[in-house]
Amino acid sequence: MTTAQPVDPIEVARPPAVRASALAAWQLVEDARYRPERRPRNERRRQLAQRAVADRRAAREVEREMHAL
């Protein structure tokens, strides 16, 4: 082959399994994002804040008991 001759393009067929798995992954992400039993972010933040307050309160009580001895 010389440089004047065009190169025949190689046809690369993408397997349909790749597209199917990409679609399945996309659907899993969308289902996880919009499923009805998912709790709102504000509820999760409120629970974390309540847990932090309870932990601090327990730590203060332990500290008071240690100083009382």
PDB file of N, CA and C in Angstrom:
ATOM      1  N   MET A   1       0.847  -1.173   0.000  1.00  0.00           N
ATOM      2  CA  MET A   1       0.000   0.000   0.000  1.00  0.00           C
ATOM      3  C   MET A   1       0.893   1.237   0.000  1.00  0.00           C
ATOM      4  N   THR A   2       0.494   2.179  -0.780  1.00  0.00           N
ATOM      5  CA  THR A   2       1.233   3.436  -0.824  1.00  0.00           C
ATOM      6  C   THR A   2       0.420   4.500  -0.100  1.00  0.00           C
ATOM      7  N   THR A   3       1.014   5.638   0.112  1.00  0.00           N
ATOM      8  CA  THR A   3       0.314   6.700   0.832  1.00  0.00           C
ATOM      9  C   THR A   3      -0.804   7.305   0.006  1.00  0.00           C
ATOM     10  N   ALA A   4      -0.831   7.074  -1.280  1.00  0.00           N
ATOM     11  CA  ALA A   4      -1.870   7.632  -2.125  1.00  0.00           C
ATOM     12  C   ALA A   4      -3.157   6.817  -2.041  1.00  0.00           C
ATOM     13  N   GLN A   5      -3.072   5.591  -1.567  1.00  0.00           N
ATOM     14  CA  GLN A   5      -4.266   4.755  -1.481  1.00  0.00           C
ATOM     15  C   GLN A   5      -5.000   5.010  -0.166  1.00  0.00           C
ATOM     16  N   PRO A   6      -6.312   5.124  -0.229  1.00  0.00           N
ATOM     17  CA  PRO A   6      -7.064   5.341   1.006  1.00  0.00           C
ATOM     18  C   PRO A   6      -7.101   4.065   1.855  1.00  0.00           C
ATOM     19  N   VAL A   7      -7.207   4.271   3.123  1.00  0.00           N
ATOM     20  CA  VAL A   7      -7.288   3.152   4.047  1.00  0.00           C
ATOM     21  C   VAL A   7      -8.752   2.774   4.208  1.00  0.00           C
ATOM     22  N   ASP A   8      -9.012   1.493   4.109  1.00  0.00           N
ATOM     23  CA  ASP A   8     -10.384   1.025   4.315  1.00  0.00           C
ATOM     24  C   ASP A   8     -10.737   1.156   5.798  1.00  0.00           C
ATOM     25  N   PRO A   9     -11.873   1.784   6.086  1.00  0.00           N
ATOM     26  CA  PRO A   9     -12.242   1.921   7.499  1.00  0.00           C
ATOM     27  C   PRO A   9     -12.625   0.565   8.080  1.00  0.00           C
ATOM     28  N   ILE A  10     -12.215   0.359   9.301  1.00  0.00           N
ATOM     29  CA  ILE A  10     -12.548  -0.878   9.993  1.00  0.00           C
ATOM     30  C   ILE A  10     -13.844  -0.623  10.760  1.00  0.00           C
ATOM     31  N   GLU A  11     -14.821  -1.424  10.463  1.00  0.00           N
ATOM     32  CA  GLU A  11     -16.100  -1.245  11.147  1.00  0.00           C
ATOM     33  C   GLU A  11     -16.046  -1.983  12.475  1.00  0.00           C
ATOM     34  N   VAL A  12     -16.224  -1.221  13.508  1.00  0.00           N
ATOM     35  CA  VAL A  12     -16.239  -1.799  14.841  1.00  0.00           C
ATOM     36  C   VAL A  12     -17.679  -1.764  15.321  1.00  0.00           C
ATOM     37  N   ALA A  13     -18.241  -2.926  15.427  1.00  0.00           N
ATOM     38  CA  ALA A  13     -19.626  -2.994  15.900  1.00  0.00           C
ATOM     39  C   ALA A  13     -19.610  -3.064  17.416  1.00  0.00           C
ATOM     40  N   ARG A  14     -20.305  -2.129  18.016  1.00  0.00           N
ATOM     41  CA  ARG A  14     -20.396  -2.144  19.475  1.00  0.00           C
ATOM     42  C   ARG A  14     -21.430  -3.180  19.880  1.00  0.00           C
ATOM     43  N   PRO A  15     -21.101  -3.993  20.823  1.00  0.00           N
ATOM     44  CA  PRO A  15     -22.068  -5.018  21.223  1.00  0.00           C
ATOM     45  C   PRO A  15     -23.263  -4.393  21.927  1.00  0.00           C
ATOM     46  N   PRO A  16     -24.447  -4.914  21.690  1.00  0.00           N
ATOM     47  CA  PRO A  16     -25.636  -4.344  22.321  1.00  0.00           C
ATOM     48  C   PRO A  16     -25.619  -4.515  23.845  1.00  0.00           C
ATOM     49  N   ALA A  17     -24.841  -5.453  24.358  1.00  0.00           N
ATOM     50  CA  ALA A  17     -24.778  -5.657  25.798  1.00  0.00           C
ATOM     51  C   ALA A  17     -24.202  -4.429  26.499  1.00  0.00           C
ATOM     52  N   VAL A  18     -23.296  -3.727  25.834  1.00  0.00           N
ATOM     53  CA  VAL A  18     -22.722  -2.529  26.442  1.00  0.00           C
ATOM     54  C   VAL A  18     -23.805  -1.467  26.596  1.00  0.00           C
ATOM     55  N   ARG A  19     -24.582  -1.276  25.563  1.00  0.00           N
ATOM     56  CA  ARG A  19     -25.658  -0.296  25.645  1.00  0.00           C
ATOM     57  C   ARG A  19     -26.690  -0.721  26.689  1.00  0.00           C
ATOM     58  N   ALA A  20     -27.000  -2.012  26.723  1.00  0.00           N
ATOM     59  CA  ALA A  20     -27.994  -2.499  27.679  1.00  0.00           C
ATOM     60  C   ALA A  20     -27.501  -2.316  29.110  1.00  0.00           C
ATOM     61  N   SER A  21     -26.223  -2.591  29.350  1.00  0.00           N
ATOM     62  CA  SER A  21     -25.723  -2.441  30.716  1.00  0.00           C
ATOM     63  C   SER A  21     -25.650  -0.964  31.100  1.00  0.00           C
ATOM     64  N   ALA A  22     -25.335  -0.101  30.153  1.00  0.00           N
ATOM     65  CA  ALA A  22     -25.319   1.328  30.445  1.00  0.00           C
ATOM     66  C   ALA A  22     -26.733   1.815  30.753  1.00  0.00           C
ATOM     67  N   LEU A  23     -27.709   1.327  29.998  1.00  0.00           N
ATOM     68  CA  LEU A  23     -29.099   1.698  30.253  1.00  0.00           C
ATOM     69  C   LEU A  23     -29.543   1.169  31.609  1.00  0.00           C
ATOM     70  N   ALA A  24     -29.157  -0.054  31.930  1.00  0.00           N
ATOM     71  CA  ALA A  24     -29.524  -0.632  33.221  1.00  0.00           C
ATOM     72  C   ALA A  24     -28.906   0.169  34.359  1.00  0.00           C
ATOM     73  N   ALA A  25     -27.666   0.577  34.212  1.00  0.00           N
ATOM     74  CA  ALA A  25     -27.012   1.379  35.245  1.00  0.00           C
ATOM     75  C   ALA A  25     -27.715   2.721  35.403  1.00  0.00           C
ATOM     76  N   TRP A  26     -28.078   3.335  34.294  1.00  0.00           N
ATOM     77  CA  TRP A  26     -28.785   4.616  34.348  1.00  0.00           C
ATOM     78  C   TRP A  26     -30.123   4.445  35.067  1.00  0.00           C
ATOM     79  N   GLN A  27     -30.842   3.372  34.763  1.00  0.00           N
ATOM     80  CA  GLN A  27     -32.133   3.141  35.400  1.00  0.00           C
ATOM     81  C   GLN A  27     -31.976   2.898  36.900  1.00  0.00           C
ATOM     82  N   LEU A  28     -30.914   2.182  37.301  1.00  0.00           N
ATOM     83  CA  LEU A  28     -30.677   1.966  38.723  1.00  0.00           C
ATOM     84  C   LEU A  28     -30.439   3.288  39.444  1.00  0.00           C
ATOM     85  N   VAL A  29     -29.665   4.166  38.823  1.00  0.00           N
ATOM     86  CA  VAL A  29     -29.399   5.465  39.429  1.00  0.00           C
ATOM     87  C   VAL A  29     -30.689   6.274  39.542  1.00  0.00           C
ATOM     88  N   GLU A  30     -31.466   6.287  38.490  1.00  0.00           N
ATOM     89  CA  GLU A  30     -32.719   7.046  38.513  1.00  0.00           C
ATOM     90  C   GLU A  30     -33.695   6.459  39.529  1.00  0.00           C
ATOM     91  N   ASP A  31     -33.770   5.139  39.599  1.00  0.00           N
ATOM     92  CA  ASP A  31     -34.671   4.513  40.565  1.00  0.00           C
ATOM     93  C   ASP A  31     -34.242   4.835  41.990  1.00  0.00           C
ATOM     94  N   ALA A  32     -32.946   4.813  42.238  1.00  0.00           N
ATOM     95  CA  ALA A  32     -32.449   5.123  43.583  1.00  0.00           C
ATOM     96  C   ALA A  32     -32.704   6.585  43.925  1.00  0.00           C
ATOM     97  N   ARG A  33     -32.635   7.449  42.952  1.00  0.00           N
ATOM     98  CA  ARG A  33     -32.825   8.876  43.202  1.00  0.00           C
ATOM     99  C   ARG A  33     -34.285   9.214  43.474  1.00  0.00           C
ATOM    100  N   TYR A  34     -35.187   8.565  42.782  1.00  0.00           N
ATOM    101  CA  TYR A  34     -36.588   8.969  42.847  1.00  0.00           C
ATOM    102  C   TYR A  34     -37.504   7.939  43.479  1.00  0.00           C
ATOM    103  N   ARG A  35     -36.966   6.942  44.161  1.00  0.00           N
ATOM    104  CA  ARG A  35     -37.855   5.943  44.760  1.00  0.00           C
ATOM    105  C   ARG A  35     -38.684   6.582  45.874  1.00  0.00           C
ATOM    106  N   PRO A  36     -39.914   6.164  46.033  1.00  0.00           N
ATOM    107  CA  PRO A  36     -40.810   6.848  46.966  1.00  0.00           C
ATOM    108  C   PRO A  36     -40.433   6.654  48.429  1.00  0.00           C
ATOM    109  N   GLU A  37     -39.768   5.565  48.781  1.00  0.00           N
ATOM    110  CA  GLU A  37     -39.439   5.363  50.194  1.00  0.00           C
ATOM    111  C   GLU A  37     -38.189   6.110  50.636  1.00  0.00           C
ATOM    112  N   ARG A  38     -37.583   6.859  49.739  1.00  0.00           N
ATOM    113  CA  ARG A  38     -36.400   7.629  50.096  1.00  0.00           C
ATOM    114  C   ARG A  38     -36.791   8.799  50.996  1.00  0.00           C
ATOM    115  N   ARG A  39     -36.053   8.984  52.064  1.00  0.00           N
ATOM    116  CA  ARG A  39     -36.339  10.077  52.980  1.00  0.00           C
ATOM    117  C   ARG A  39     -35.785  11.383  52.432  1.00  0.00           C
ATOM    118  N   PRO A  40     -36.479  12.465  52.684  1.00  0.00           N
ATOM    119  CA  PRO A  40     -35.961  13.757  52.238  1.00  0.00           C
ATOM    120  C   PRO A  40     -34.657  14.099  52.960  1.00  0.00           C
ATOM    121  N   ARG A  41     -33.860  14.904  52.323  1.00  0.00           N
ATOM    122  CA  ARG A  41     -32.564  15.285  52.906  1.00  0.00           C
ATOM    123  C   ARG A  41     -32.730  16.032  54.219  1.00  0.00           C
ATOM    124  N   ASN A  42     -33.765  16.857  54.308  1.00  0.00           N
ATOM    125  CA  ASN A  42     -33.968  17.623  55.533  1.00  0.00           C
ATOM    126  C   ASN A  42     -34.227  16.706  56.721  1.00  0.00           C
ATOM    127  N   GLU A  43     -34.959  15.626  56.479  1.00  0.00           N
ATOM    128  CA  GLU A  43     -35.235  14.681  57.560  1.00  0.00           C
ATOM    129  C   GLU A  43     -33.948  14.023  58.033  1.00  0.00           C
ATOM    130  N   ARG A  44     -33.095  13.651  57.082  1.00  0.00           N
ATOM    131  CA  ARG A  44     -31.811  13.031  57.440  1.00  0.00           C
ATOM    132  C   ARG A  44     -30.947  14.013  58.220  1.00  0.00           C
ATOM    133  N   ARG A  45     -30.911  15.262  57.769  1.00  0.00           N
ATOM    134  CA  ARG A  45     -30.117  16.284  58.479  1.00  0.00           C
ATOM    135  C   ARG A  45     -30.652  16.500  59.896  1.00  0.00           C
ATOM    136  N   ARG A  46     -31.968  16.511  60.033  1.00  0.00           N
ATOM    137  CA  ARG A  46     -32.569  16.705  61.348  1.00  0.00           C
ATOM    138  C   ARG A  46     -32.213  15.543  62.269  1.00  0.00           C
ATOM    139  N   GLN A  47     -32.257  14.320  61.751  1.00  0.00           N
ATOM    140  CA  GLN A  47     -31.897  13.165  62.564  1.00  0.00           C
ATOM    141  C   GLN A  47     -30.427  13.219  62.987  1.00  0.00           C
ATOM    142  N   LEU A  48     -29.552  13.619  62.086  1.00  0.00           N
ATOM    143  CA  LEU A  48     -28.133  13.738  62.428  1.00  0.00           C
ATOM    144  C   LEU A  48     -27.920  14.813  63.491  1.00  0.00           C
ATOM    145  N   ALA A  49     -28.633  15.926  63.358  1.00  0.00           N
ATOM    146  CA  ALA A  49     -28.508  17.003  64.341  1.00  0.00           C
ATOM    147  C   ALA A  49     -29.031  16.549  65.697  1.00  0.00           C
ATOM    148  N   GLN A  50     -30.151  15.834  65.714  1.00  0.00           N
ATOM    149  CA  GLN A  50     -30.694  15.335  66.974  1.00  0.00           C
ATOM    150  C   GLN A  50     -29.739  14.342  67.637  1.00  0.00           C
ATOM    151  N   ARG A  51     -29.113  13.514  66.824  1.00  0.00           N
ATOM    152  CA  ARG A  51     -28.143  12.556  67.365  1.00  0.00           C
ATOM    153  C   ARG A  51     -26.939  13.281  67.954  1.00  0.00           C
ATOM    154  N   ALA A  52     -26.484  14.330  67.285  1.00  0.00           N
ATOM    155  CA  ALA A  52     -25.343  15.102  67.781  1.00  0.00           C
ATOM    156  C   ALA A  52     -25.689  15.775  69.103  1.00  0.00           C
ATOM    157  N   VAL A  53     -26.896  16.334  69.198  1.00  0.00           N
ATOM    158  CA  VAL A  53     -27.321  16.987  70.436  1.00  0.00           C
ATOM    159  C   VAL A  53     -27.387  15.966  71.564  1.00  0.00           C
ATOM    160  N   ALA A  54     -27.934  14.781  71.285  1.00  0.00           N
ATOM    161  CA  ALA A  54     -28.025  13.739  72.309  1.00  0.00           C
ATOM    162  C   ALA A  54     -26.630  13.291  72.757  1.00  0.00           C
ATOM    163  N   ASP A  55     -25.703  13.183  71.812  1.00  0.00           N
ATOM    164  CA  ASP A  55     -24.330  12.790  72.166  1.00  0.00           C
ATOM    165  C   ASP A  55     -23.673  13.848  73.057  1.00  0.00           C
ATOM    166  N   ARG A  56     -23.869  15.121  72.722  1.00  0.00           N
ATOM    167  CA  ARG A  56     -23.283  16.189  73.535  1.00  0.00           C
ATOM    168  C   ARG A  56     -23.896  16.216  74.932  1.00  0.00           C
ATOM    169  N   ARG A  57     -25.205  16.009  75.008  1.00  0.00           N
ATOM    170  CA  ARG A  57     -25.882  15.994  76.296  1.00  0.00           C
ATOM    171  C   ARG A  57     -25.356  14.848  77.166  1.00  0.00           C
ATOM    172  N   ALA A  58     -25.176  13.672  76.555  1.00  0.00           N
ATOM    173  CA  ALA A  58     -24.654  12.528  77.299  1.00  0.00           C
ATOM    174  C   ALA A  58     -23.223  12.799  77.761  1.00  0.00           C
ATOM    175  N   ALA A  59     -22.422  13.441  76.913  1.00  0.00           N
ATOM    176  CA  ALA A  59     -21.043  13.753  77.292  1.00  0.00           C
ATOM    177  C   ALA A  59     -21.018  14.749  78.451  1.00  0.00           C
ATOM    178  N   ARG A  60     -21.926  15.748  78.433  1.00  0.00           N
ATOM    179  CA  ARG A  60     -22.004  16.707  79.547  1.00  0.00           C
ATOM    180  C   ARG A  60     -22.391  16.015  80.845  1.00  0.00           C
ATOM    181  N   GLU A  61     -23.346  15.085  80.781  1.00  0.00           N
ATOM    182  CA  GLU A  61     -23.772  14.373  81.982  1.00  0.00           C
ATOM    183  C   GLU A  61     -22.639  13.540  82.557  1.00  0.00           C
ATOM    184  N   VAL A  62     -21.886  12.885  81.696  1.00  0.00           N
ATOM    185  CA  VAL A  62     -20.745  12.090  82.164  1.00  0.00           C
ATOM    186  C   VAL A  62     -19.716  13.011  82.811  1.00  0.00           C
ATOM    187  N   GLU A  63     -19.462  14.153  82.179  1.00  0.00           N
ATOM    188  CA  GLU A  63     -18.495  15.120  82.719  1.00  0.00           C
ATOM    189  C   GLU A  63     -18.942  15.623  84.097  1.00  0.00           C
ATOM    190  N   ARG A  64     -20.227  15.926  84.265  1.00  0.00           N
ATOM    191  CA  ARG A  64     -20.744  16.376  85.550  1.00  0.00           C
ATOM    192  C   ARG A  64     -20.602  15.302  86.619  1.00  0.00           C
ATOM    193  N   GLU A  65     -20.904  14.059  86.249  1.00  0.00           N
ATOM    194  CA  GLU A  65     -20.791  12.963  87.209  1.00  0.00           C
ATOM    195  C   GLU A  65     -19.345  12.768  87.645  1.00  0.00           C
ATOM    196  N   MET A  66     -18.406  12.939  86.723  1.00  0.00           N
ATOM    197  CA  MET A  66     -16.991  12.753  87.081  1.00  0.00           C
ATOM    198  C   MET A  66     -16.532  13.863  87.997  1.00  0.00           C
ATOM    199  N   HIS A  67     -17.021  15.097  87.816  1.00  0.00           N
ATOM    200  CA  HIS A  67     -16.624  16.218  88.662  1.00  0.00           C
ATOM    201  C   HIS A  67     -17.307  16.142  90.027  1.00  0.00           C
ATOM    202  N   ALA A  68     -18.457  15.490  90.080  1.00  0.00           N
ATOM    203  CA  ALA A  68     -19.191  15.375  91.334  1.00  0.00           C
ATOM    204  C   ALA A  68     -18.511  14.375  92.277  1.00  0.00           C
ATOM    205  N   LEU A  69     -17.757  13.472  91.730  1.00  0.00           N
ATOM    206  CA  LEU A  69     -17.091  12.469  92.576  1.00  0.00           C
ATOM    207  C   LEU A  69     -15.962  13.094  93.274  1.00  0.00           C
TER     208      LEU A  69
END
